[in-house]
Amino acid sequence: MAFWCASDIFEESPIPNAPFSCTYGLVTIHGFPKATANAFRLLNRLRGPRLALRFPDTMPVFCGGVATRECEAIHLMFWHDVPPEIQTATNWTAAVDVILPATSAHDQWVVTKTQIRTGAGSAFETWEAIGSPLNLSKTQFAMLRAQSEPEACSECLRSFDSELNLNFTLRPNEVIHIELMPLRQQATSKTADMSLEESAKGEAQLGEQSRD
């Protein structure tokens, strides 16, 4: 996939005066990534062969999803892409069954969700809400810069019979990327299992050996 130009600053037209000006770039004149830029960033995470998905309910129109596998990681992306002329679209509340690879021996997964929505991955709506200022204050600049980044959160889920059930809600024109990684318990070190007395004794012995 490709896009015509990366920035709102390009040689075919004067530099826009406004932070958001409906220009073609993926990032604004201040370098804020637009929602489209963030969507490309999430698309770039979809690597490896595709996996099967099962939707218990009928998928609404304008909605879709895809899953891929990259080594032990599983990547999923879902979207609710509503044309601007449709004003009556409702939220998509989805339950998705991910069919895990037969070779996977894991039943506990770290689920990390990255979502593009108004105020998180799309700062345009916030800029409009504060009056569409041409000149941003330092506070407004910092706020819009922060809101141009997608929202991220994580949780741990258990799979059953080689299937993992995921639930999420997308408002119109929202996008979500979900990464599944096997949960690995970190091995405890020997010092973590030792009592304070044993640890102190060991340090004393090391000190005596160093003096020798």
C-alpha atoms as a PDB file:
ATOM      1  CA  MET A   1       0.000   0.000   0.000  1.00  0.00           C
ATOM      2  CA  ALA A   2       1.127   3.557  -0.642  1.00  0.00           C
ATOM      3  CA  PHE A   3       0.058   7.119   0.093  1.00  0.00           C
ATOM      4  CA  TRP A   4       0.571  10.173  -2.083  1.00  0.00           C
ATOM      5  CA  CYS A   5       2.599  12.297   0.346  1.00  0.00           C
ATOM      6  CA  ALA A   6       3.853  11.834   3.870  1.00  0.00           C
ATOM      7  CA  SER A   7       3.472  15.395   5.196  1.00  0.00           C
ATOM      8  CA  ASP A   8       1.134  18.372   4.783  1.00  0.00           C
ATOM      9  CA  ILE A   9       4.300  20.249   3.745  1.00  0.00           C
ATOM     10  CA  PHE A  10       5.105  19.379   0.140  1.00  0.00           C
ATOM     11  CA  GLU A  11       6.266  21.221  -2.959  1.00  0.00           C
ATOM     12  CA  GLU A  12       3.012  21.395  -4.934  1.00  0.00           C
ATOM     13  CA  SER A  13       1.239  23.913  -2.682  1.00  0.00           C
ATOM     14  CA  PRO A  14       2.023  26.584  -0.064  1.00  0.00           C
ATOM     15  CA  ILE A  15       2.505  25.512   3.549  1.00  0.00           C
ATOM     16  CA  PRO A  16      -0.932  25.404   5.254  1.00  0.00           C
ATOM     17  CA  ASN A  17      -1.634  27.955   7.990  1.00  0.00           C
ATOM     18  CA  ALA A  18      -3.688  25.643  10.195  1.00  0.00           C
ATOM     19  CA  PRO A  19      -2.517  22.601  12.185  1.00  0.00           C
ATOM     20  CA  PHE A  20      -5.272  20.607  10.412  1.00  0.00           C
ATOM     21  CA  SER A  21      -6.158  21.836   6.942  1.00  0.00           C
ATOM     22  CA  CYS A  22      -7.618  18.840   5.063  1.00  0.00           C
ATOM     23  CA  THR A  23      -4.312  18.581   3.189  1.00  0.00           C
ATOM     24  CA  TYR A  24      -3.165  15.234   1.800  1.00  0.00           C
ATOM     25  CA  GLY A  25      -0.316  14.398   4.167  1.00  0.00           C
ATOM     26  CA  LEU A  26      -0.184  11.623   6.745  1.00  0.00           C
ATOM     27  CA  VAL A  27       1.249  14.037   9.330  1.00  0.00           C
ATOM     28  CA  THR A  28       0.437  17.684  10.033  1.00  0.00           C
ATOM     29  CA  ILE A  29       2.707  20.708   9.651  1.00  0.00           C
ATOM     30  CA  HIS A  30       3.689  20.177  13.305  1.00  0.00           C
ATOM     31  CA  GLY A  31       4.464  16.493  12.782  1.00  0.00           C
ATOM     32  CA  PHE A  32       1.338  15.157  14.504  1.00  0.00           C
ATOM     33  CA  PRO A  33       0.392  11.781  12.985  1.00  0.00           C
ATOM     34  CA  LYS A  34      -3.145  11.805  11.644  1.00  0.00           C
ATOM     35  CA  ALA A  35      -5.525   8.877  12.103  1.00  0.00           C
ATOM     36  CA  THR A  36      -4.552   7.556   8.656  1.00  0.00           C
ATOM     37  CA  ALA A  37      -0.861   7.550   9.593  1.00  0.00           C
ATOM     38  CA  ASN A  38      -1.661   5.591  12.735  1.00  0.00           C
ATOM     39  CA  ALA A  39      -3.731   3.119  10.711  1.00  0.00           C
ATOM     40  CA  PHE A  40      -0.715   2.494   8.460  1.00  0.00           C
ATOM     41  CA  ARG A  41       1.451   1.981  11.555  1.00  0.00           C
ATOM     42  CA  LEU A  42      -0.947  -0.684  12.836  1.00  0.00           C
ATOM     43  CA  LEU A  43      -1.183  -2.325   9.407  1.00  0.00           C
ATOM     44  CA  ASN A  44       2.597  -2.661   9.436  1.00  0.00           C
ATOM     45  CA  ARG A  45       2.302  -4.987  12.449  1.00  0.00           C
ATOM     46  CA  LEU A  46       0.339  -7.587  10.433  1.00  0.00           C
ATOM     47  CA  ARG A  47       3.114  -9.961   9.405  1.00  0.00           C
ATOM     48  CA  GLY A  48       3.233 -13.659   8.642  1.00  0.00           C
ATOM     49  CA  PRO A  49       0.613 -16.108   7.345  1.00  0.00           C
ATOM     50  CA  ARG A  50      -3.057 -15.460   7.967  1.00  0.00           C
ATOM     51  CA  LEU A  51      -5.045 -17.241  10.691  1.00  0.00           C
ATOM     52  CA  ALA A  52      -8.718 -18.151  10.818  1.00  0.00           C
ATOM     53  CA  LEU A  53     -11.225 -16.027  12.720  1.00  0.00           C
ATOM     54  CA  ARG A  54     -14.741 -16.967  13.725  1.00  0.00           C
ATOM     55  CA  PHE A  55     -17.446 -14.405  14.453  1.00  0.00           C
ATOM     56  CA  PRO A  56     -20.381 -15.924  16.396  1.00  0.00           C
ATOM     57  CA  ASP A  57     -22.619 -13.071  15.249  1.00  0.00           C
ATOM     58  CA  THR A  58     -23.135 -11.665  11.779  1.00  0.00           C
ATOM     59  CA  MET A  59     -20.547  -9.023  11.021  1.00  0.00           C
ATOM     60  CA  PRO A  60     -22.128  -5.601  10.420  1.00  0.00           C
ATOM     61  CA  VAL A  61     -21.641  -3.791   7.133  1.00  0.00           C
ATOM     62  CA  PHE A  62     -18.501  -1.634   6.909  1.00  0.00           C
ATOM     63  CA  CYS A  63     -16.760  -3.818   9.528  1.00  0.00           C
ATOM     64  CA  GLY A  64     -13.935  -6.284   9.016  1.00  0.00           C
ATOM     65  CA  GLY A  65     -10.985  -8.074  10.545  1.00  0.00           C
ATOM     66  CA  VAL A  66      -7.841 -10.032   9.783  1.00  0.00           C
ATOM     67  CA  ALA A  67      -5.369 -12.121  11.805  1.00  0.00           C
ATOM     68  CA  THR A  68      -1.757 -13.125  11.140  1.00  0.00           C
ATOM     69  CA  ARG A  69       0.951 -15.085  12.942  1.00  0.00           C
ATOM     70  CA  GLU A  70       4.557 -13.937  13.353  1.00  0.00           C
ATOM     71  CA  CYS A  71       6.607 -16.585  15.187  1.00  0.00           C
ATOM     72  CA  GLU A  72       4.861 -16.894  18.579  1.00  0.00           C
ATOM     73  CA  ALA A  73       3.014 -13.587  18.252  1.00  0.00           C
ATOM     74  CA  ILE A  74      -0.505 -13.354  16.831  1.00  0.00           C
ATOM     75  CA  HIS A  75      -1.643 -10.042  15.356  1.00  0.00           C
ATOM     76  CA  LEU A  76      -5.259  -9.057  14.751  1.00  0.00           C
ATOM     77  CA  MET A  77      -6.754  -5.911  13.284  1.00  0.00           C
ATOM     78  CA  PHE A  78     -10.411  -4.868  13.173  1.00  0.00           C
ATOM     79  CA  TRP A  79     -12.050  -1.794  11.695  1.00  0.00           C
ATOM     80  CA  HIS A  80     -15.409  -0.035  11.536  1.00  0.00           C
ATOM     81  CA  ASP A  81     -15.045   2.043   8.374  1.00  0.00           C
ATOM     82  CA  VAL A  82     -18.213   4.101   7.837  1.00  0.00           C
ATOM     83  CA  PRO A  83     -18.514   6.469   4.826  1.00  0.00           C
ATOM     84  CA  PRO A  84     -18.958  10.160   5.794  1.00  0.00           C
ATOM     85  CA  GLU A  85     -22.408  10.395   4.207  1.00  0.00           C
ATOM     86  CA  ILE A  86     -23.848   7.785   6.579  1.00  0.00           C
ATOM     87  CA  GLN A  87     -24.855   9.431   9.857  1.00  0.00           C
ATOM     88  CA  THR A  88     -26.850   6.603  11.450  1.00  0.00           C
ATOM     89  CA  ALA A  89     -24.117   4.007  12.029  1.00  0.00           C
ATOM     90  CA  THR A  90     -24.046   2.366  15.457  1.00  0.00           C
ATOM     91  CA  ASN A  91     -21.208   0.902  17.519  1.00  0.00           C
ATOM     92  CA  TRP A  92     -19.854  -2.548  16.707  1.00  0.00           C
ATOM     93  CA  THR A  93     -19.640  -4.705  19.827  1.00  0.00           C
ATOM     94  CA  ALA A  94     -17.852  -7.863  18.744  1.00  0.00           C
ATOM     95  CA  ALA A  95     -17.051 -11.282  20.148  1.00  0.00           C
ATOM     96  CA  VAL A  96     -14.347 -13.019  18.110  1.00  0.00           C
ATOM     97  CA  ASP A  97     -12.953 -16.538  18.428  1.00  0.00           C
ATOM     98  CA  VAL A  98      -9.290 -16.750  17.413  1.00  0.00           C
ATOM     99  CA  ILE A  99      -8.368 -20.227  16.145  1.00  0.00           C
ATOM    100  CA  LEU A 100      -4.906 -20.803  17.614  1.00  0.00           C
ATOM    101  CA  PRO A 101      -2.264 -22.791  15.687  1.00  0.00           C
ATOM    102  CA  ALA A 102      -2.311 -26.507  16.393  1.00  0.00           C
ATOM    103  CA  THR A 103       1.385 -26.337  17.251  1.00  0.00           C
ATOM    104  CA  SER A 104       0.788 -23.818  20.042  1.00  0.00           C
ATOM    105  CA  ALA A 105       1.223 -25.325  23.509  1.00  0.00           C
ATOM    106  CA  HIS A 106       0.286 -22.134  25.350  1.00  0.00           C
ATOM    107  CA  ASP A 107      -3.018 -21.544  27.126  1.00  0.00           C
ATOM    108  CA  GLN A 108      -2.292 -18.176  28.766  1.00  0.00           C
ATOM    109  CA  TRP A 109      -1.828 -15.079  26.637  1.00  0.00           C
ATOM    110  CA  VAL A 110      -0.887 -11.436  27.115  1.00  0.00           C
ATOM    111  CA  VAL A 111      -3.409  -9.419  25.107  1.00  0.00           C
ATOM    112  CA  THR A 112      -2.274  -5.905  24.138  1.00  0.00           C
ATOM    113  CA  LYS A 113      -4.852  -3.664  22.456  1.00  0.00           C
ATOM    114  CA  THR A 114      -3.956  -0.510  20.512  1.00  0.00           C
ATOM    115  CA  GLN A 115      -6.969   1.526  19.422  1.00  0.00           C
ATOM    116  CA  ILE A 116      -7.423   4.591  17.213  1.00  0.00           C
ATOM    117  CA  ARG A 117     -10.345   6.744  18.297  1.00  0.00           C
ATOM    118  CA  THR A 118     -11.264  10.376  18.825  1.00  0.00           C
ATOM    119  CA  GLY A 119      -8.742  11.863  21.255  1.00  0.00           C
ATOM    120  CA  ALA A 120      -6.395   8.875  21.005  1.00  0.00           C
ATOM    121  CA  GLY A 121      -4.751   8.472  17.620  1.00  0.00           C
ATOM    122  CA  SER A 122      -6.957  11.180  16.081  1.00  0.00           C
ATOM    123  CA  ALA A 123      -6.461  14.717  17.421  1.00  0.00           C
ATOM    124  CA  PHE A 124      -8.445  16.460  14.683  1.00  0.00           C
ATOM    125  CA  GLU A 125     -11.750  16.344  16.558  1.00  0.00           C
ATOM    126  CA  THR A 126     -10.167  17.863  19.666  1.00  0.00           C
ATOM    127  CA  TRP A 127      -8.646  20.673  17.588  1.00  0.00           C
ATOM    128  CA  GLU A 128     -12.102  21.442  16.191  1.00  0.00           C
ATOM    129  CA  ALA A 129     -13.649  21.328  19.676  1.00  0.00           C
ATOM    130  CA  ILE A 130     -11.257  24.030  20.990  1.00  0.00           C
ATOM    131  CA  GLY A 131     -12.155  26.410  18.163  1.00  0.00           C
ATOM    132  CA  SER A 132      -9.734  25.315  15.410  1.00  0.00           C
ATOM    133  CA  PRO A 133      -6.958  27.744  16.443  1.00  0.00           C
ATOM    134  CA  LEU A 134      -4.344  28.631  13.836  1.00  0.00           C
ATOM    135  CA  ASN A 135      -1.705  29.369  16.480  1.00  0.00           C
ATOM    136  CA  LEU A 136      -1.424  26.780  19.240  1.00  0.00           C
ATOM    137  CA  SER A 137      -0.379  27.614  22.772  1.00  0.00           C
ATOM    138  CA  LYS A 138       2.255  25.391  24.385  1.00  0.00           C
ATOM    139  CA  THR A 139      -0.455  23.647  26.370  1.00  0.00           C
ATOM    140  CA  GLN A 140      -2.629  23.077  23.282  1.00  0.00           C
ATOM    141  CA  PHE A 141       0.383  21.815  21.342  1.00  0.00           C
ATOM    142  CA  ALA A 142       1.271  19.296  24.047  1.00  0.00           C
ATOM    143  CA  MET A 143      -2.345  18.154  24.341  1.00  0.00           C
ATOM    144  CA  LEU A 144      -2.808  17.604  20.606  1.00  0.00           C
ATOM    145  CA  ARG A 145       0.564  15.867  20.367  1.00  0.00           C
ATOM    146  CA  ALA A 146      -0.464  13.464  23.141  1.00  0.00           C
ATOM    147  CA  GLN A 147      -3.879  12.837  21.604  1.00  0.00           C
ATOM    148  CA  SER A 148      -2.356  12.004  18.227  1.00  0.00           C
ATOM    149  CA  GLU A 149      -1.028   8.732  19.700  1.00  0.00           C
ATOM    150  CA  PRO A 150      -3.321   5.654  19.876  1.00  0.00           C
ATOM    151  CA  GLU A 151      -4.621   4.293  23.166  1.00  0.00           C
ATOM    152  CA  ALA A 152      -3.003   1.090  24.476  1.00  0.00           C
ATOM    153  CA  CYS A 153      -3.849  -1.352  27.269  1.00  0.00           C
ATOM    154  CA  SER A 154      -3.154  -4.996  28.112  1.00  0.00           C
ATOM    155  CA  GLU A 155      -4.655  -7.945  29.990  1.00  0.00           C
ATOM    156  CA  CYS A 156      -4.064 -11.678  30.417  1.00  0.00           C
ATOM    157  CA  LEU A 157      -6.524 -14.230  29.021  1.00  0.00           C
ATOM    158  CA  ARG A 158      -6.708 -18.028  28.971  1.00  0.00           C
ATOM    159  CA  SER A 159      -7.507 -20.045  25.865  1.00  0.00           C
ATOM    160  CA  PHE A 160      -9.704 -23.168  25.797  1.00  0.00           C
ATOM    161  CA  ASP A 161      -9.623 -25.981  23.221  1.00  0.00           C
ATOM    162  CA  SER A 162      -7.181 -24.048  21.017  1.00  0.00           C
ATOM    163  CA  GLU A 163      -9.491 -21.041  20.865  1.00  0.00           C
ATOM    164  CA  LEU A 164      -9.207 -17.607  22.468  1.00  0.00           C
ATOM    165  CA  ASN A 165     -12.272 -15.405  22.826  1.00  0.00           C
ATOM    166  CA  LEU A 166     -11.815 -11.655  22.406  1.00  0.00           C
ATOM    167  CA  ASN A 167     -14.329  -8.878  23.039  1.00  0.00           C
ATOM    168  CA  PHE A 168     -14.140  -5.248  21.973  1.00  0.00           C
ATOM    169  CA  THR A 169     -16.298  -2.309  20.905  1.00  0.00           C
ATOM    170  CA  LEU A 170     -15.585  -0.027  17.952  1.00  0.00           C
ATOM    171  CA  ARG A 171     -17.415   3.210  17.291  1.00  0.00           C
ATOM    172  CA  PRO A 172     -17.777   4.303  13.650  1.00  0.00           C
ATOM    173  CA  ASN A 173     -14.371   4.890  12.030  1.00  0.00           C
ATOM    174  CA  GLU A 174     -12.372   3.364  14.870  1.00  0.00           C
ATOM    175  CA  VAL A 175      -9.579   0.826  14.375  1.00  0.00           C
ATOM    176  CA  ILE A 176      -8.043  -1.628  16.825  1.00  0.00           C
ATOM    177  CA  HIS A 177      -4.916  -3.778  16.688  1.00  0.00           C
ATOM    178  CA  ILE A 178      -4.630  -6.693  19.113  1.00  0.00           C
ATOM    179  CA  GLU A 179      -1.398  -8.558  19.811  1.00  0.00           C
ATOM    180  CA  LEU A 180      -1.376 -11.962  21.501  1.00  0.00           C
ATOM    181  CA  MET A 181       1.838 -13.152  23.121  1.00  0.00           C
ATOM    182  CA  PRO A 182       2.309 -16.276  25.277  1.00  0.00           C
ATOM    183  CA  LEU A 183       2.452 -15.486  28.977  1.00  0.00           C
ATOM    184  CA  ARG A 184       5.836 -16.502  30.344  1.00  0.00           C
ATOM    185  CA  GLN A 185       6.468 -16.719  34.080  1.00  0.00           C
ATOM    186  CA  GLN A 186       9.807 -15.187  34.940  1.00  0.00           C
ATOM    187  CA  ALA A 187      12.125 -17.563  36.777  1.00  0.00           C
ATOM    188  CA  THR A 188      13.031 -16.332  40.242  1.00  0.00           C
ATOM    189  CA  SER A 189      16.696 -15.834  41.027  1.00  0.00           C
ATOM    190  CA  LYS A 190      18.472 -17.681  43.799  1.00  0.00           C
ATOM    191  CA  THR A 191      18.831 -14.476  45.805  1.00  0.00           C
ATOM    192  CA  ALA A 192      15.067 -13.950  45.648  1.00  0.00           C
ATOM    193  CA  ASP A 193      14.526 -17.352  47.279  1.00  0.00           C
ATOM    194  CA  MET A 194      17.166 -16.790  49.988  1.00  0.00           C
ATOM    195  CA  SER A 195      16.332 -15.343  53.373  1.00  0.00           C
ATOM    196  CA  LEU A 196      17.923 -12.068  54.470  1.00  0.00           C
ATOM    197  CA  GLU A 197      20.149 -13.973  56.892  1.00  0.00           C
ATOM    198  CA  GLU A 198      21.395 -16.356  54.197  1.00  0.00           C
ATOM    199  CA  SER A 199      22.005 -13.453  51.831  1.00  0.00           C
ATOM    200  CA  ALA A 200      24.020 -11.545  54.425  1.00  0.00           C
ATOM    201  CA  LYS A 201      26.077 -14.658  55.225  1.00  0.00           C
ATOM    202  CA  GLY A 202      26.841 -15.186  51.553  1.00  0.00           C
ATOM    203  CA  GLU A 203      27.967 -11.587  51.098  1.00  0.00           C
ATOM    204  CA  ALA A 204      30.237 -11.885  54.143  1.00  0.00           C
ATOM    205  CA  GLN A 205      31.865 -15.010  52.715  1.00  0.00           C
ATOM    206  CA  LEU A 206      32.456 -13.265  49.384  1.00  0.00           C
ATOM    207  CA  GLY A 207      34.077 -10.370  51.254  1.00  0.00           C
ATOM    208  CA  GLU A 208      36.448 -12.707  53.116  1.00  0.00           C
ATOM    209  CA  GLN A 209      37.420 -14.438  49.882  1.00  0.00           C
ATOM    210  CA  SER A 210      38.188 -11.103  48.227  1.00  0.00           C
ATOM    211  CA  ARG A 211      40.504 -10.116  51.101  1.00  0.00           C
ATOM    212  CA  ASP A 212      42.367 -13.368  50.734  1.00  0.00           C
END
